[in-house]
Protein backbone atom coordinates (compact mmCIF):
# COMPACT_ATOMS: atom_id res chain seq x y z
CA MET A 1 23.19 10.85 30.40
CA THR A 2 21.08 13.97 31.03
CA THR A 3 20.85 12.82 34.31
CA ILE A 4 24.32 12.92 35.13
CA ARG A 5 25.06 15.93 33.87
CA THR A 6 21.99 17.48 35.69
CA ASP A 7 23.69 16.04 38.73
CA ILE A 8 27.07 17.14 37.80
CA ASP A 9 25.76 20.62 37.25
CA GLN A 10 24.01 20.60 40.84
CA ILE A 11 27.30 19.35 42.48
CA GLU A 12 29.27 22.28 40.73
CA LYS A 13 26.37 24.84 41.65
CA VAL A 14 26.31 23.72 45.77
CA THR A 15 30.36 23.33 45.51
CA MET A 16 31.02 26.95 44.17
CA ARG A 17 28.50 28.58 46.23
CA ARG A 18 29.83 27.46 49.52
CA VAL A 19 33.70 28.49 48.23
CA ILE A 20 32.35 31.69 47.29
CA LEU A 21 30.36 32.29 50.39
CA ARG A 22 33.19 31.08 52.48
CA LEU A 23 36.22 32.71 51.42
CA VAL A 24 35.23 36.23 49.33
CA PRO A 25 33.49 38.08 51.80
CA PHE A 26 35.98 37.23 54.30
CA LEU A 27 39.12 38.55 52.13
CA MET A 28 37.16 41.18 50.95
CA ILE A 29 36.89 42.39 54.47
CA CYS A 30 40.34 42.02 54.47
CA TYR A 31 41.60 43.87 51.51
CA PHE A 32 39.09 46.62 52.55
CA PHE A 33 41.69 47.13 55.51
CA ALA A 34 44.66 46.95 53.27
CA LEU A 35 43.45 49.35 51.06
CA LEU A 36 42.36 51.82 54.19
CA ASP A 37 45.48 51.41 55.65
CA ARG A 38 47.07 52.24 52.33
CA VAL A 39 45.33 55.39 51.17
CA ASN A 40 44.42 56.89 54.57
CA VAL A 41 47.76 59.01 54.33
CA GLY A 42 45.79 60.98 52.03
CA PHE A 43 43.17 62.48 54.19
CA ALA A 44 45.63 62.46 57.43
CA ALA A 45 47.50 64.72 54.91
CA LEU A 46 44.85 67.44 55.31
CA GLN A 47 46.29 67.91 58.91
CA MET A 48 49.63 66.34 59.06
CA ASN A 49 51.35 67.77 56.23
CA LYS A 50 51.38 71.23 58.47
CA ASP A 51 52.47 69.36 61.51
CA LEU A 52 54.96 68.04 60.20
CA GLY A 53 56.36 70.63 57.72
CA LEU A 54 55.92 68.65 54.60
CA THR A 55 55.72 70.26 50.92
CA PRO A 56 53.68 68.66 48.12
CA ALA A 57 57.03 66.95 46.50
CA MET A 58 57.97 65.78 50.08
CA PHE A 59 54.45 64.28 50.63
CA GLY A 60 54.67 62.56 47.26
CA PHE A 61 57.90 61.03 47.76
CA ALA A 62 56.73 59.84 51.26
CA ALA A 63 53.61 58.12 49.97
CA SER A 64 55.58 56.64 46.73
CA LEU A 65 58.32 55.29 49.13
CA PHE A 66 55.48 52.22 50.01
CA PHE A 67 55.38 51.50 46.33
CA VAL A 68 59.34 50.90 45.86
CA SER A 69 59.52 48.52 49.01
CA TYR A 70 55.73 46.92 47.66
CA PHE A 71 57.74 45.99 44.25
CA LEU A 72 61.02 44.42 46.16
CA VAL A 73 59.16 42.44 48.34
CA GLU A 74 55.87 41.55 46.23
CA VAL A 75 57.45 38.49 44.01
CA PRO A 76 59.31 36.60 47.37
CA SER A 77 56.24 37.25 49.52
CA ASN A 78 53.69 35.39 46.72
CA LEU A 79 56.64 32.68 46.31
CA ALA A 80 56.35 32.18 50.27
CA LEU A 81 52.84 32.28 50.41
CA GLN A 82 53.04 29.31 47.67
CA LYS A 83 55.52 27.64 50.01
CA PHE A 84 53.95 28.25 53.62
CA GLY A 85 50.40 28.16 52.47
CA ALA A 86 47.77 31.16 52.12
CA ARG A 87 46.11 30.73 55.55
CA ARG A 88 49.62 31.76 57.56
CA TRP A 89 51.07 33.64 55.23
CA ILE A 90 47.88 35.89 54.49
CA ALA A 91 47.73 36.22 58.60
CA ARG A 92 51.36 37.11 59.02
CA ILE A 93 50.84 39.98 56.32
CA MET A 94 48.11 41.61 57.62
CA ILE A 95 49.03 41.49 61.33
CA THR A 96 52.25 43.12 60.33
CA TRP A 97 51.14 45.86 58.11
CA GLY A 98 48.26 46.36 61.12
CA LEU A 99 51.18 46.81 63.55
CA VAL A 100 52.97 49.11 61.04
CA THR A 101 49.89 51.28 60.54
CA ALA A 102 49.19 52.19 63.73
CA LEU A 103 52.65 53.09 64.56
CA MET A 104 52.71 55.75 61.88
CA ALA A 105 50.77 57.48 64.15
CA PHE A 106 54.03 58.39 66.13
CA VAL A 107 56.43 59.59 62.87
CA ILE A 108 57.73 63.14 64.19
CA GLY A 109 58.96 64.54 60.71
CA PRO A 110 59.71 63.79 57.10
CA TYR A 111 62.26 61.23 57.82
CA SER A 112 60.28 58.98 60.32
CA LEU A 113 57.51 59.09 57.69
CA TYR A 114 59.57 58.22 54.84
CA THR A 115 60.63 55.14 56.85
CA MET A 116 57.53 54.01 58.29
CA ARG A 117 55.98 54.45 54.66
CA PHE A 118 58.66 52.38 53.17
CA ILE A 119 58.20 49.89 56.27
CA LEU A 120 54.33 49.71 55.40
CA GLY A 121 55.27 48.78 51.72
CA ALA A 122 57.10 46.01 52.69
CA ALA A 123 54.44 44.67 55.21
CA GLU A 124 51.76 44.66 53.17
CA ALA A 125 53.46 43.78 49.94
CA GLY A 126 52.13 40.25 48.60
CA PHE A 127 48.27 40.37 50.06
CA PHE A 128 46.77 41.48 46.97
CA PRO A 129 48.64 39.10 44.31
CA GLY A 130 48.64 36.68 47.16
CA ALA A 131 44.52 36.53 47.55
CA ILE A 132 44.43 36.56 43.71
CA LEU A 133 46.45 33.64 43.60
CA TYR A 134 44.81 31.81 46.38
CA LEU A 135 41.13 32.55 44.49
CA THR A 136 42.55 30.96 41.48
CA TYR A 137 43.26 27.80 43.56
CA TRP A 138 39.49 27.82 44.07
CA LEU A 139 37.36 29.61 41.09
CA PRO A 140 37.43 27.84 37.85
CA SER A 141 37.75 30.03 34.69
CA GLN A 142 34.38 30.89 34.15
CA TYR A 143 33.77 32.43 37.47
CA ARG A 144 36.83 34.39 37.49
CA ALA A 145 36.18 37.90 36.03
CA ARG A 146 33.03 38.15 38.04
CA ILE A 147 34.43 36.85 41.24
CA LEU A 148 37.68 38.66 40.82
CA ALA A 149 35.46 42.11 40.19
CA THR A 150 33.60 41.44 43.18
CA PHE A 151 36.73 41.13 45.37
CA THR A 152 38.41 44.04 44.05
CA VAL A 153 35.77 46.41 44.33
CA SER A 154 36.90 46.53 47.99
CA ILE A 155 39.27 48.90 46.35
CA PRO A 156 36.63 51.88 45.38
CA LEU A 157 34.91 50.59 48.53
CA ALA A 158 37.44 51.45 50.61
CA THR A 159 37.50 55.09 49.70
CA PHE A 160 33.76 55.29 49.27
CA LEU A 161 33.35 54.21 52.69
CA GLY A 162 36.88 55.09 54.35
CA SER A 163 36.59 58.82 53.03
CA PRO A 164 33.76 60.00 55.50
CA LEU A 165 35.27 57.38 57.91
CA SER A 166 38.97 58.93 57.65
CA VAL A 167 37.61 62.50 57.94
CA GLY A 168 35.25 61.85 60.91
CA LEU A 169 38.23 60.31 62.80
CA LEU A 170 40.37 63.74 62.13
CA GLU A 171 37.50 65.05 64.01
CA LEU A 172 39.03 63.32 67.18
CA ASP A 173 41.71 66.01 67.27
CA GLY A 174 43.14 66.41 70.59
CA ILE A 175 41.43 63.31 72.36
CA LEU A 176 43.95 62.17 75.10
CA GLY A 177 46.51 64.42 73.67
CA LEU A 178 46.91 63.09 70.12
CA ARG A 179 46.05 65.01 67.11
CA GLY A 180 43.40 63.64 64.33
CA TRP A 181 45.66 62.13 62.01
CA GLN A 182 47.15 60.24 64.75
CA TRP A 183 44.11 58.90 65.77
CA LEU A 184 43.45 57.82 62.10
CA PHE A 185 46.21 55.64 62.00
CA ILE A 186 45.91 53.98 65.27
CA LEU A 187 42.19 53.34 64.60
CA GLU A 188 42.58 51.90 60.91
CA GLY A 189 45.24 49.77 62.04
CA ILE A 190 44.19 48.00 64.73
CA PRO A 191 41.17 46.10 63.05
CA THR A 192 43.60 44.46 60.67
CA VAL A 193 45.64 42.99 62.88
CA LEU A 194 42.68 41.41 64.40
CA LEU A 195 41.60 40.26 60.79
CA GLY A 196 44.92 38.63 60.63
CA VAL A 197 44.59 36.69 63.42
CA VAL A 198 40.96 35.50 62.38
CA CYS A 199 42.33 34.34 59.09
CA LEU A 200 43.97 31.41 61.03
CA PHE A 201 40.85 29.94 61.26
CA VAL A 202 39.02 30.88 58.40
CA LEU A 203 40.88 30.30 55.35
CA THR A 204 41.88 26.54 53.86
CA ASP A 205 45.24 26.54 51.92
CA LYS A 206 44.02 24.13 48.72
CA PRO A 207 40.29 22.49 48.16
CA ALA A 208 41.42 19.06 49.00
CA GLN A 209 42.01 20.14 52.47
CA ALA A 210 38.26 21.90 52.80
CA SER A 211 36.69 20.11 55.44
CA TRP A 212 33.73 22.38 55.01
CA LEU A 213 33.10 20.54 51.65
CA THR A 214 31.57 17.22 51.15
CA ALA A 215 34.09 14.59 49.78
CA GLU A 216 31.85 14.71 46.46
CA GLN A 217 32.24 18.36 46.53
CA ARG A 218 35.92 18.31 46.93
CA ASN A 219 36.83 15.89 44.54
CA TRP A 220 34.86 18.07 41.57
CA LEU A 221 36.61 20.88 42.73
CA VAL A 222 39.85 19.05 42.57
CA GLY A 223 39.60 17.47 39.30
CA ARG A 224 37.86 20.64 37.59
CA MET A 225 41.23 22.54 38.73
CA GLU A 226 43.29 19.86 37.93
CA SER A 227 42.08 19.75 33.93
CA GLU A 228 41.88 23.46 33.68
CA ALA A 229 45.65 23.44 35.06
CA ALA A 230 46.67 21.11 32.29
CA ALA A 231 45.41 23.32 29.63
CA ARG A 232 48.30 24.75 27.17
CA LYS A 233 49.10 28.90 28.25
CA PRO A 234 50.73 31.44 26.23
CA VAL A 235 53.49 31.55 29.24
CA GLY A 236 54.51 28.22 30.45
CA HIS A 237 56.83 27.20 32.95
CA LEU A 238 59.68 29.53 33.66
CA SER A 239 62.47 30.35 35.74
CA LEU A 240 62.28 33.96 37.43
CA TRP A 241 64.58 35.25 35.05
CA GLN A 242 62.80 33.85 31.83
CA LEU A 243 59.56 35.30 33.27
CA ALA A 244 61.65 39.11 34.08
CA THR A 245 62.37 38.88 30.03
CA ASN A 246 59.16 37.46 28.73
CA LYS A 247 57.21 39.74 26.33
CA TYR A 248 53.84 38.67 27.91
CA PHE A 249 54.61 39.33 31.29
CA LEU A 250 56.36 42.72 30.70
CA VAL A 251 53.79 43.84 28.50
CA MET A 252 51.07 43.10 31.17
CA GLY A 253 52.63 44.55 34.01
CA LEU A 254 52.88 47.96 32.02
CA VAL A 255 48.96 47.33 30.74
CA CYS A 256 48.44 46.78 34.76
CA SER A 257 50.29 49.89 35.28
CA GLY A 258 47.85 52.38 33.72
CA ALA A 259 44.81 51.17 36.36
CA SER A 260 47.06 51.13 39.10
CA ALA A 261 48.54 54.70 38.43
CA THR A 262 45.05 55.80 38.21
CA GLY A 263 44.05 54.24 41.30
CA SER A 264 47.19 55.07 43.07
CA VAL A 265 47.51 58.78 42.38
CA LEU A 266 43.95 59.62 42.57
CA SER A 267 43.69 57.83 46.19
CA VAL A 268 46.56 59.98 47.41
CA TRP A 269 45.99 63.47 45.67
CA GLN A 270 42.21 63.51 44.92
CA PRO A 271 41.40 64.53 48.44
CA GLN A 272 43.80 67.40 48.30
CA LEU A 273 42.57 68.20 44.57
CA LEU A 274 38.99 68.68 46.19
CA LYS A 275 39.69 70.77 49.10
CA SER A 276 41.59 73.13 46.61
CA PHE A 277 37.83 74.09 45.53
CA GLY A 278 37.27 75.44 48.82
CA LEU A 279 35.65 72.67 50.73
CA SER A 280 36.15 72.04 54.47
CA ASN A 281 37.32 68.48 55.71
CA LEU A 282 33.95 66.98 56.12
CA GLN A 283 32.71 68.32 52.36
CA THR A 284 35.87 66.89 50.88
CA GLY A 285 35.46 63.41 52.28
CA PHE A 286 31.99 63.09 51.45
CA VAL A 287 32.24 64.20 48.05
CA ASN A 288 35.69 62.20 47.36
CA ALA A 289 33.25 59.42 48.28
CA ILE A 290 30.82 59.91 45.27
CA PRO A 291 33.17 58.75 42.05
CA TYR A 292 34.45 55.54 44.26
CA GLY A 293 30.31 54.68 45.05
CA ILE A 294 30.16 54.86 41.09
CA ALA A 295 33.12 53.10 40.37
CA THR A 296 31.72 50.28 43.21
CA LEU A 297 28.83 49.19 41.20
CA LEU A 298 29.90 49.88 37.61
CA MET A 299 33.18 47.24 38.16
CA VAL A 300 30.74 44.36 39.12
CA LEU A 301 28.62 44.92 36.56
CA TRP A 302 31.22 45.16 33.83
CA GLY A 303 33.00 42.10 35.15
CA ARG A 304 29.98 40.08 35.04
CA HIS A 305 29.34 41.15 31.49
CA SER A 306 32.84 40.25 30.89
CA ASP A 307 32.15 36.47 32.08
CA LYS A 308 28.69 36.41 30.03
CA SER A 309 30.30 37.04 27.12
CA GLY A 310 33.44 35.04 27.12
CA GLU A 311 35.90 38.21 26.32
CA ARG A 312 38.66 39.77 28.26
CA ARG A 313 40.89 41.82 25.57
CA TRP A 314 38.28 44.44 25.15
CA HIS A 315 36.81 44.40 28.33
CA THR A 316 40.28 45.23 29.61
CA ALA A 317 41.23 48.00 27.36
CA ILE A 318 37.75 49.99 26.86
CA PRO A 319 38.50 51.09 30.55
CA LEU A 320 41.94 52.01 30.51
CA LEU A 321 40.39 54.40 27.32
CA LEU A 322 37.84 55.76 29.48
CA ALA A 323 40.37 56.57 32.32
CA ALA A 324 42.74 58.64 29.53
CA CYS A 325 39.46 60.15 28.54
CA GLY A 326 38.75 61.24 32.11
CA PHE A 327 42.12 62.67 33.05
CA THR A 328 42.87 64.52 29.67
CA ALA A 329 39.55 66.58 30.19
CA LEU A 330 40.55 67.45 33.64
CA GLY A 331 42.24 70.24 31.99
CA MET A 332 39.26 71.41 30.93
CA THR A 333 36.59 71.75 34.05
CA GLY A 334 38.31 74.67 35.47
CA THR A 335 37.46 75.99 38.71
CA ALA A 336 33.77 73.98 38.64
CA VAL A 337 34.07 71.23 41.21
CA VAL A 338 31.04 69.21 39.41
CA PRO A 339 32.54 68.69 36.45
CA THR A 340 35.83 67.92 38.09
CA VAL A 341 34.11 65.20 40.06
CA MET A 342 32.46 63.81 36.78
CA MET A 343 35.83 63.54 34.93
CA VAL A 344 37.39 61.86 38.07
CA THR A 345 34.76 59.53 38.19
CA CYS A 346 35.40 58.49 34.53
CA CYS A 347 38.97 57.84 35.46
CA LEU A 348 38.14 55.84 38.47
CA VAL A 349 35.11 53.46 36.56
CA GLY A 350 38.22 52.90 34.04
CA ALA A 351 40.71 51.95 36.71
CA TYR A 352 38.58 49.75 38.67
CA ALA A 353 36.06 47.95 35.94
CA PHE A 354 39.64 47.21 34.41
CA LYS A 355 40.61 44.65 37.20
CA GLY A 356 38.22 41.57 37.07
CA PRO A 357 38.85 40.87 33.27
CA PHE A 358 42.45 41.87 33.41
CA TRP A 359 43.03 39.67 36.47
CA ALA A 360 41.46 36.70 34.99
CA LEU A 361 43.00 37.00 31.60
CA SER A 362 46.38 37.15 33.43
CA ALA A 363 45.69 33.74 35.55
CA SER A 364 44.38 32.20 32.19
CA TRP A 365 47.73 33.17 30.39
CA LEU A 366 50.34 31.86 33.08
CA SER A 367 50.98 28.40 33.40
CA PRO A 368 50.79 26.79 37.16
CA GLY A 369 54.13 27.02 37.93
CA THR A 370 54.65 30.46 36.92
CA LEU A 371 51.12 31.65 38.68
CA ALA A 372 52.52 33.01 42.19
CA ALA A 373 55.32 34.62 40.76
CA GLY A 374 53.60 36.05 37.28
CA LEU A 375 51.07 37.65 39.16
CA ALA A 376 53.17 39.12 42.15
CA GLY A 377 55.57 40.49 39.24
CA ILE A 378 52.66 42.01 37.18
CA ASN A 379 51.37 43.66 40.31
CA ALA A 380 54.77 44.65 41.60
CA ILE A 381 55.74 46.54 38.10
CA SER A 382 52.00 48.16 38.16
CA ASN A 383 52.40 49.42 41.67
CA LEU A 384 56.15 50.81 40.97
CA ILE A 385 55.26 52.21 37.47
CA GLY A 386 51.76 53.49 38.80
CA GLY A 387 52.76 54.29 42.36
CA GLY A 388 55.82 54.80 43.19
CA LEU A 389 56.49 57.04 39.86
CA MET A 390 53.42 58.82 39.35
CA ILE A 391 52.36 59.82 41.98
CA ASN A 392 56.16 61.55 42.52
CA VAL A 393 55.43 62.88 38.80
CA VAL A 394 52.02 64.86 40.19
CA GLY A 395 53.83 66.26 43.62
CA ILE A 396 56.62 67.73 41.54
CA VAL A 397 54.52 69.26 38.94
CA LYS A 398 52.17 70.52 41.50
CA ASP A 399 55.22 72.08 43.14
CA ARG A 400 56.54 73.52 40.16
CA THR A 401 53.14 74.93 38.28
CA GLY A 402 50.82 74.81 41.27
CA SER A 403 48.45 72.75 39.03
CA PHE A 404 46.93 68.94 39.77
CA VAL A 405 45.56 68.73 36.50
CA LEU A 406 49.08 69.47 34.81
CA GLY A 407 50.72 66.30 36.78
CA MET A 408 47.88 63.96 35.86
CA LEU A 409 48.37 64.42 32.12
CA PRO A 410 51.40 61.90 32.00
CA VAL A 411 48.73 59.08 33.76
CA ALA A 412 46.49 59.90 30.73
CA LEU A 413 49.15 58.99 28.50
CA LEU A 414 50.14 55.83 30.10
CA CYS A 415 46.34 54.62 30.41
CA ALA A 416 46.22 55.03 26.61
CA VAL A 417 49.69 53.35 26.03
CA ALA A 418 48.17 50.63 28.05
CA ALA A 419 45.20 50.32 26.23
CA VAL A 420 46.55 50.11 23.10
CA CYS A 421 49.10 47.17 24.34
CA ALA A 422 46.17 45.30 25.89
CA LEU A 423 44.48 44.87 22.57
CA LEU A 424 47.71 44.06 20.60
CA LEU A 425 48.83 41.57 23.05
CA GLY A 426 45.55 39.88 23.45
CA ARG A 427 45.45 39.35 19.88
CA ASN A 428 48.80 38.13 19.34
CA ALA A 429 47.93 35.66 22.42
CA GLU A 430 45.01 34.46 20.51
CA ARG A 431 46.48 33.86 17.08
CA ALA A 432 49.47 31.90 19.06
CA ALA A 433 46.72 30.07 20.79
CA ALA A 434 45.15 29.14 17.45
CA VAL A 435 48.26 27.91 15.55
CA ALA A 436 48.90 25.64 18.70
CA ALA A 437 45.04 24.24 18.35
CA VAL A 438 45.86 23.52 14.72
CA LYS A 439 49.35 21.82 15.34
CA SER A 440 47.60 19.63 18.24
């Protein structure tokens, strides 16, 4: 018996190593460029706003339009991925958004910028929840928080590396008659198109089709995933309408909105906030990278701790409380850049440490039949509230008061509410699971 158990453990170890090394690094690179193409508008703004005659409110509106179309297309995109397969659909998403990003270089005024940002959101919609959904096909539950945290490390990493890269591309100003911000869009869009083509050769839709695993490894992984899929979930198989009115689903969307608002608001407005301290474009890029570097490390450690302890609820709520405290304390930093960077770091550590435990928790609550629409819907709601709404709020408040800090206070409130909701929802789910276990 001990020998059999040892053999199974060895099969699991080798299989999961192959799966993780095959899929996760490649998807991280893809997501890195997704985030780079999404947030580079914040650095382009350092030149572009003046060229196009954009006020802070106009720029905030343009940036937020990405999230509106993202919201509208997110669920249909994930359902399409489920129907056509991740390999082809993720490739389609990447090629489309890479082309749109490169074409952003040729906007000529506010309205063409509005149009292209809206199209970009529709083009990219579905990649993140699609990648999360895809990884749930391959990852047993005990691996999810640490691997999803590792995957989503691309978010802070994109800004950590992208900040100096983006401001460096701004220095290409004047080459071939193009402005630096135009080169920024072109040279960060083209690699995405190429990666989209590579997807067709690297990704495999399901474990049963993985020719790069042995038959024994495939059988173990398929059996493990099927046994987990059969487990009872708080959110069973629901129609789209039933899902849209389900309390777990709606509250999960609100909870995710806190972290989404933190990441989205800071990715768009943080470069301008830092430059307001009198930094040059180059200095802004390097200082902007510091909080993301710290967040990159801590979010992986937090995800590992969540998997090791098996705890999800507090590992989801605590980062949100940290972000809320960071935004609130921004108002106390005055005109000093170092305390401001420290508080922004708290916000970003909270926003990104949240992701591994939260997405592992969400995937564990949704039934297989609801997983595609559920994950996409949660992400869509969070992006609409966190990105579409809150980015605009900051721009409007900045226009009227001249203060970025005041505009970020609503984000602090949203994070605090989200943390409380995560704790309450998790407690209710645990009670429901305990009652169901007794009845069964």
